[in-house]
C-alpha atoms as a PDB file:
ATOM      1  CA  MET A   1     -58.248 -18.293 -11.832  1.00  0.00           C
ATOM      2  CA  ILE A   2     -54.593 -19.127 -11.426  1.00  0.00           C
ATOM      3  CA  HIS A   3     -52.642 -16.232  -9.995  1.00  0.00           C
ATOM      4  CA  THR A   4     -49.243 -15.652 -11.523  1.00  0.00           C
ATOM      5  CA  ASN A   5     -46.202 -14.710  -9.547  1.00  0.00           C
ATOM      6  CA  PRO A   6     -44.010 -12.314 -11.562  1.00  0.00           C
ATOM      7  CA  ASN A   7     -41.005 -12.984  -9.332  1.00  0.00           C
ATOM      8  CA  PRO A   8     -41.022 -16.640  -8.289  1.00  0.00           C
ATOM      9  CA  LYS A   9     -38.440 -17.668  -5.735  1.00  0.00           C
ATOM     10  CA  MET A  10     -35.826 -19.829  -7.426  1.00  0.00           C
ATOM     11  CA  THR A  11     -32.560 -21.259  -6.243  1.00  0.00           C
ATOM     12  CA  VAL A  12     -29.324 -20.507  -8.061  1.00  0.00           C
ATOM     13  CA  ILE A  13     -29.284 -24.040  -9.469  1.00  0.00           C
ATOM     14  CA  GLU A  14     -32.835 -23.669 -10.834  1.00  0.00           C
ATOM     15  CA  VAL A  15     -31.870 -20.424 -12.570  1.00  0.00           C
ATOM     16  CA  GLU A  16     -28.740 -22.034 -14.068  1.00  0.00           C
ATOM     17  CA  ASN A  17     -30.756 -25.032 -15.300  1.00  0.00           C
ATOM     18  CA  PHE A  18     -33.369 -22.730 -16.838  1.00  0.00           C
ATOM     19  CA  ARG A  19     -30.728 -20.693 -18.650  1.00  0.00           C
ATOM     20  CA  ASN A  20     -28.942 -23.812 -19.899  1.00  0.00           C
ATOM     21  CA  ASN A  21     -32.192 -25.268 -21.239  1.00  0.00           C
ATOM     22  CA  LEU A  22     -33.063 -21.952 -22.891  1.00  0.00           C
ATOM     23  CA  ARG A  23     -29.644 -21.818 -24.572  1.00  0.00           C
ATOM     24  CA  ARG A  24     -30.058 -25.374 -25.867  1.00  0.00           C
ATOM     25  CA  CYS A  25     -33.526 -24.654 -27.260  1.00  0.00           C
ATOM     26  CA  VAL A  26     -32.518 -21.390 -28.927  1.00  0.00           C
ATOM     27  CA  SER A  27     -29.380 -22.857 -30.476  1.00  0.00           C
ATOM     28  CA  GLY A  28     -31.263 -25.982 -31.658  1.00  0.00           C
ATOM     29  CA  LYS A  29     -29.206 -28.428 -29.633  1.00  0.00           C
ATOM     30  CA  ILE A  30     -32.141 -30.512 -28.420  1.00  0.00           C
ATOM     31  CA  THR A  31     -32.592 -34.234 -28.914  1.00  0.00           C
ATOM     32  CA  ARG A  32     -35.198 -35.779 -31.188  1.00  0.00           C
ATOM     33  CA  GLN A  33     -37.178 -36.984 -28.165  1.00  0.00           C
ATOM     34  CA  GLU A  34     -37.272 -33.488 -26.699  1.00  0.00           C
ATOM     35  CA  LYS A  35     -38.299 -32.027 -30.053  1.00  0.00           C
ATOM     36  CA  LYS A  36     -41.104 -34.592 -30.351  1.00  0.00           C
ATOM     37  CA  LYS A  37     -42.330 -33.768 -26.816  1.00  0.00           C
ATOM     38  CA  ILE A  38     -42.426 -30.073 -27.702  1.00  0.00           C
ATOM     39  CA  GLU A  39     -44.401 -30.786 -30.884  1.00  0.00           C
ATOM     40  CA  VAL A  40     -46.910 -32.981 -29.022  1.00  0.00           C
ATOM     41  CA  ARG A  41     -47.356 -30.331 -26.323  1.00  0.00           C
ATOM     42  CA  ALA A  42     -47.893 -27.598 -28.948  1.00  0.00           C
ATOM     43  CA  GLN A  43     -50.522 -29.707 -30.725  1.00  0.00           C
ATOM     44  CA  ARG A  44     -52.299 -30.376 -27.421  1.00  0.00           C
ATOM     45  CA  MET A  45     -52.285 -26.652 -26.549  1.00  0.00           C
ATOM     46  CA  ASN A  46     -53.728 -25.746 -29.945  1.00  0.00           C
ATOM     47  CA  SER A  47     -56.484 -28.356 -29.710  1.00  0.00           C
ATOM     48  CA  VAL A  48     -57.437 -27.202 -26.215  1.00  0.00           C
ATOM     49  CA  ALA A  49     -57.518 -23.563 -27.351  1.00  0.00           C
ATOM     50  CA  LYS A  50     -59.771 -24.458 -30.283  1.00  0.00           C
ATOM     51  CA  ARG A  51     -62.087 -26.423 -27.978  1.00  0.00           C
ATOM     52  CA  ILE A  52     -62.327 -23.529 -25.510  1.00  0.00           C
ATOM     53  CA  ILE A  53     -63.098 -21.043 -28.288  1.00  0.00           C
ATOM     54  CA  ALA A  54     -65.689 -23.422 -29.789  1.00  0.00           C
ATOM     55  CA  ASN A  55     -67.376 -23.798 -26.400  1.00  0.00           C
ATOM     56  CA  ASN A  56     -67.621 -20.011 -26.047  1.00  0.00           C
ATOM     57  CA  GLY A  57     -69.442 -19.297 -29.286  1.00  0.00           C
ATOM     58  CA  GLY A  58     -66.315 -18.577 -31.317  1.00  0.00           C
ATOM     59  CA  LYS A  59     -64.982 -15.967 -28.904  1.00  0.00           C
ATOM     60  CA  ASN A  60     -61.819 -16.080 -26.882  1.00  0.00           C
ATOM     61  CA  PRO A  61     -62.941 -15.763 -23.237  1.00  0.00           C
ATOM     62  CA  ILE A  62     -59.628 -14.221 -22.195  1.00  0.00           C
ATOM     63  CA  LEU A  63     -59.423 -11.557 -24.898  1.00  0.00           C
ATOM     64  CA  GLY A  64     -63.191 -11.077 -25.242  1.00  0.00           C
ATOM     65  CA  TYR A  65     -63.326 -11.305 -29.046  1.00  0.00           C
END
């Protein structure tokens, strides 16, 4: 299992870049290429989730139902 770190160490520049990207996404100021990448990634995540649930007899192994 991958362990999450609730407080990852980030530099000031990394935090600024994250906030700038978040602002752009929330305000809708992303390019068509970026929007397409997000759509492709979302489709891939959904297909993987469906495959995992199908391989576990219709149950979500994380949630248990």
